[in-house]
Amino acid sequence: MCAGLPVQAAPHKADPVKLFDTDNDGTLDLQEAKKAAAAAFAKLDVDHEGTLDARELRGRLGGKDLKAGDPDHDGTLTLDEYLAVVTERFNAANTDNDGTLDAKELATPAGRKLLQLLR
């Protein structure tokens, strides 16, 4: 049975939709993306201060993106600020404007940028 584990893990890496698609409809909606992002935020917030700094973001956002997502200019992102960046990236990846992202949209540069914030 152990030999089957890598085979089961491979589809998750190949199809990120399956990682975050809680209603199993084959797409991600904004609420599913935000739920995944909130879980990622909690995992990244190692000091439990309720904010993420550049170190905690671990390359998920570059300096320019961090600055753009930080409206109070304190050098950190709160959960609300992080989710606002997630929303922007979701909308950028949602090229057909149907309110959901499929595997094709997640494979685009905009989709990959969104996935960086969900993992």
C-alpha atoms as a PDB file:
ATOM      1  CA  MET A   1       0.000   0.000   0.000  1.00  0.00           C
ATOM      2  CA  CYS A   2       2.843   2.426   0.671  1.00  0.00           C
ATOM      3  CA  ALA A   3       3.765   2.297  -2.990  1.00  0.00           C
ATOM      4  CA  GLY A   4       0.360   3.872  -3.722  1.00  0.00           C
ATOM      5  CA  LEU A   5       0.966   6.992  -1.626  1.00  0.00           C
ATOM      6  CA  PRO A   6       3.171   8.871  -4.122  1.00  0.00           C
ATOM      7  CA  VAL A   7       0.646   8.119  -6.864  1.00  0.00           C
ATOM      8  CA  GLN A   8      -2.123   9.652  -4.750  1.00  0.00           C
ATOM      9  CA  ALA A   9      -0.006  12.690  -3.901  1.00  0.00           C
ATOM     10  CA  ALA A  10       0.895  13.419  -7.530  1.00  0.00           C
ATOM     11  CA  PRO A  11      -2.588  14.597  -8.632  1.00  0.00           C
ATOM     12  CA  HIS A  12      -2.668  17.202  -5.844  1.00  0.00           C
ATOM     13  CA  LYS A  13       0.542  18.757  -7.108  1.00  0.00           C
ATOM     14  CA  ALA A  14      -0.627  18.527 -10.711  1.00  0.00           C
ATOM     15  CA  ASP A  15      -4.131  19.842  -9.941  1.00  0.00           C
ATOM     16  CA  PRO A  16      -4.147  22.575  -7.296  1.00  0.00           C
ATOM     17  CA  VAL A  17      -7.924  22.850  -7.604  1.00  0.00           C
ATOM     18  CA  LYS A  18      -8.279  19.595  -5.671  1.00  0.00           C
ATOM     19  CA  LEU A  19      -6.281  21.031  -2.766  1.00  0.00           C
ATOM     20  CA  PHE A  20      -8.666  23.909  -2.114  1.00  0.00           C
ATOM     21  CA  ASP A  21     -11.986  22.937  -3.779  1.00  0.00           C
ATOM     22  CA  THR A  22     -14.077  22.313  -0.660  1.00  0.00           C
ATOM     23  CA  ASP A  23     -17.382  21.937  -2.521  1.00  0.00           C
ATOM     24  CA  ASN A  24     -15.833  19.558  -5.082  1.00  0.00           C
ATOM     25  CA  ASP A  25     -17.229  21.379  -8.107  1.00  0.00           C
ATOM     26  CA  GLY A  26     -13.913  21.336  -9.967  1.00  0.00           C
ATOM     27  CA  THR A  27     -13.259  25.059  -9.538  1.00  0.00           C
ATOM     28  CA  LEU A  28     -12.201  27.523  -6.856  1.00  0.00           C
ATOM     29  CA  ASP A  29     -14.438  30.388  -5.911  1.00  0.00           C
ATOM     30  CA  LEU A  30     -13.274  33.412  -3.960  1.00  0.00           C
ATOM     31  CA  GLN A  31     -14.551  32.055  -0.633  1.00  0.00           C
ATOM     32  CA  GLU A  32     -12.556  28.834  -1.084  1.00  0.00           C
ATOM     33  CA  ALA A  33      -9.474  30.861  -1.984  1.00  0.00           C
ATOM     34  CA  LYS A  34      -9.931  33.071   1.080  1.00  0.00           C
ATOM     35  CA  LYS A  35     -10.425  30.049   3.341  1.00  0.00           C
ATOM     36  CA  ALA A  36      -7.172  28.520   2.058  1.00  0.00           C
ATOM     37  CA  ALA A  37      -5.409  31.877   2.362  1.00  0.00           C
ATOM     38  CA  ALA A  38      -6.573  32.338   5.954  1.00  0.00           C
ATOM     39  CA  ALA A  39      -5.209  28.896   6.830  1.00  0.00           C
ATOM     40  CA  ALA A  40      -1.913  29.744   5.114  1.00  0.00           C
ATOM     41  CA  PHE A  41      -1.781  33.071   6.983  1.00  0.00           C
ATOM     42  CA  ALA A  42      -2.228  31.311  10.327  1.00  0.00           C
ATOM     43  CA  LYS A  43       0.527  28.846   9.469  1.00  0.00           C
ATOM     44  CA  LEU A  44       2.893  31.608   8.343  1.00  0.00           C
ATOM     45  CA  ASP A  45       2.251  33.802  11.399  1.00  0.00           C
ATOM     46  CA  VAL A  46       4.846  31.957  13.463  1.00  0.00           C
ATOM     47  CA  ASP A  47       5.103  34.680  16.115  1.00  0.00           C
ATOM     48  CA  HIS A  48       1.287  34.826  16.457  1.00  0.00           C
ATOM     49  CA  GLU A  49       1.212  38.628  16.303  1.00  0.00           C
ATOM     50  CA  GLY A  50      -1.632  38.647  13.782  1.00  0.00           C
ATOM     51  CA  THR A  51       0.529  40.124  11.051  1.00  0.00           C
ATOM     52  CA  LEU A  52       2.975  38.851   8.460  1.00  0.00           C
ATOM     53  CA  ASP A  53       6.245  40.606   7.784  1.00  0.00           C
ATOM     54  CA  ALA A  54       8.560  40.053   4.811  1.00  0.00           C
ATOM     55  CA  ARG A  55      10.371  37.242   6.646  1.00  0.00           C
ATOM     56  CA  GLU A  56       7.161  35.371   7.422  1.00  0.00           C
ATOM     57  CA  LEU A  57       5.887  35.829   3.884  1.00  0.00           C
ATOM     58  CA  ARG A  58       8.907  33.819   2.718  1.00  0.00           C
ATOM     59  CA  GLY A  59       8.959  35.146  -0.822  1.00  0.00           C
ATOM     60  CA  ARG A  60       5.211  34.823  -1.421  1.00  0.00           C
ATOM     61  CA  LEU A  61       5.130  38.563  -1.968  1.00  0.00           C
ATOM     62  CA  GLY A  62       8.013  40.631  -3.240  1.00  0.00           C
ATOM     63  CA  GLY A  63       8.847  43.984  -1.713  1.00  0.00           C
ATOM     64  CA  LYS A  64       6.808  45.863  -4.310  1.00  0.00           C
ATOM     65  CA  ASP A  65       3.772  43.603  -3.805  1.00  0.00           C
ATOM     66  CA  LEU A  66       4.094  43.794  -0.025  1.00  0.00           C
ATOM     67  CA  LYS A  67       4.212  47.580  -0.214  1.00  0.00           C
ATOM     68  CA  ALA A  68       1.158  47.658  -2.511  1.00  0.00           C
ATOM     69  CA  GLY A  69      -0.791  45.367  -0.183  1.00  0.00           C
ATOM     70  CA  ASP A  70       0.130  47.345   2.938  1.00  0.00           C
ATOM     71  CA  PRO A  71      -2.165  50.408   2.981  1.00  0.00           C
ATOM     72  CA  ASP A  72      -1.080  51.515   6.470  1.00  0.00           C
ATOM     73  CA  HIS A  73       2.603  51.271   5.467  1.00  0.00           C
ATOM     74  CA  ASP A  74       3.680  49.473   8.635  1.00  0.00           C
ATOM     75  CA  GLY A  75       5.710  46.847   6.768  1.00  0.00           C
ATOM     76  CA  THR A  76       3.347  44.007   7.661  1.00  0.00           C
ATOM     77  CA  LEU A  77       0.084  42.542   6.413  1.00  0.00           C
ATOM     78  CA  THR A  78      -2.869  41.842   8.668  1.00  0.00           C
ATOM     79  CA  LEU A  79      -5.208  39.018   7.720  1.00  0.00           C
ATOM     80  CA  ASP A  80      -7.593  41.516   6.112  1.00  0.00           C
ATOM     81  CA  GLU A  81      -4.757  43.056   4.086  1.00  0.00           C
ATOM     82  CA  TYR A  82      -3.537  39.583   3.071  1.00  0.00           C
ATOM     83  CA  LEU A  83      -7.054  38.600   1.978  1.00  0.00           C
ATOM     84  CA  ALA A  84      -7.329  41.823  -0.029  1.00  0.00           C
ATOM     85  CA  VAL A  85      -4.202  40.794  -1.966  1.00  0.00           C
ATOM     86  CA  VAL A  86      -5.727  37.332  -2.427  1.00  0.00           C
ATOM     87  CA  THR A  87      -8.889  38.944  -3.818  1.00  0.00           C
ATOM     88  CA  GLU A  88      -6.867  41.063  -6.251  1.00  0.00           C
ATOM     89  CA  ARG A  89      -4.917  38.041  -7.440  1.00  0.00           C
ATOM     90  CA  PHE A  90      -8.074  35.930  -7.708  1.00  0.00           C
ATOM     91  CA  ASN A  91      -9.703  38.598  -9.881  1.00  0.00           C
ATOM     92  CA  ALA A  92      -6.599  38.882 -12.043  1.00  0.00           C
ATOM     93  CA  ALA A  93      -6.613  35.120 -12.634  1.00  0.00           C
ATOM     94  CA  ASN A  94     -10.380  35.032 -13.313  1.00  0.00           C
ATOM     95  CA  THR A  95     -10.007  36.007 -16.961  1.00  0.00           C
ATOM     96  CA  ASP A  96     -13.475  34.800 -17.983  1.00  0.00           C
ATOM     97  CA  ASN A  97     -15.081  36.718 -15.082  1.00  0.00           C
ATOM     98  CA  ASP A  98     -17.272  33.772 -14.075  1.00  0.00           C
ATOM     99  CA  GLY A  99     -16.395  34.022 -10.375  1.00  0.00           C
ATOM    100  CA  THR A 100     -14.482  30.742 -10.330  1.00  0.00           C
ATOM    101  CA  LEU A 101     -11.016  29.538 -11.265  1.00  0.00           C
ATOM    102  CA  ASP A 102     -10.398  26.277 -13.055  1.00  0.00           C
ATOM    103  CA  ALA A 103      -7.099  24.439 -13.483  1.00  0.00           C
ATOM    104  CA  LYS A 104      -6.380  26.309 -16.732  1.00  0.00           C
ATOM    105  CA  GLU A 105      -6.750  29.707 -15.047  1.00  0.00           C
ATOM    106  CA  LEU A 106      -4.629  28.590 -12.087  1.00  0.00           C
ATOM    107  CA  ALA A 107      -1.865  27.548 -14.501  1.00  0.00           C
ATOM    108  CA  THR A 108      -1.515  31.115 -15.814  1.00  0.00           C
ATOM    109  CA  PRO A 109       1.071  33.500 -14.327  1.00  0.00           C
ATOM    110  CA  ALA A 110      -1.741  35.282 -12.436  1.00  0.00           C
ATOM    111  CA  GLY A 111      -3.086  31.961 -11.156  1.00  0.00           C
ATOM    112  CA  ARG A 112       0.349  30.854  -9.977  1.00  0.00           C
ATOM    113  CA  LYS A 113       0.764  34.158  -8.123  1.00  0.00           C
ATOM    114  CA  LEU A 114      -2.534  33.483  -6.347  1.00  0.00           C
ATOM    115  CA  LEU A 115      -1.504  29.929  -5.467  1.00  0.00           C
ATOM    116  CA  GLN A 116       1.636  31.282  -3.770  1.00  0.00           C
ATOM    117  CA  LEU A 117      -0.661  32.887  -1.189  1.00  0.00           C
ATOM    118  CA  LEU A 118      -2.831  29.816  -0.635  1.00  0.00           C
ATOM    119  CA  ARG A 119      -0.109  27.278   0.148  1.00  0.00           C
END
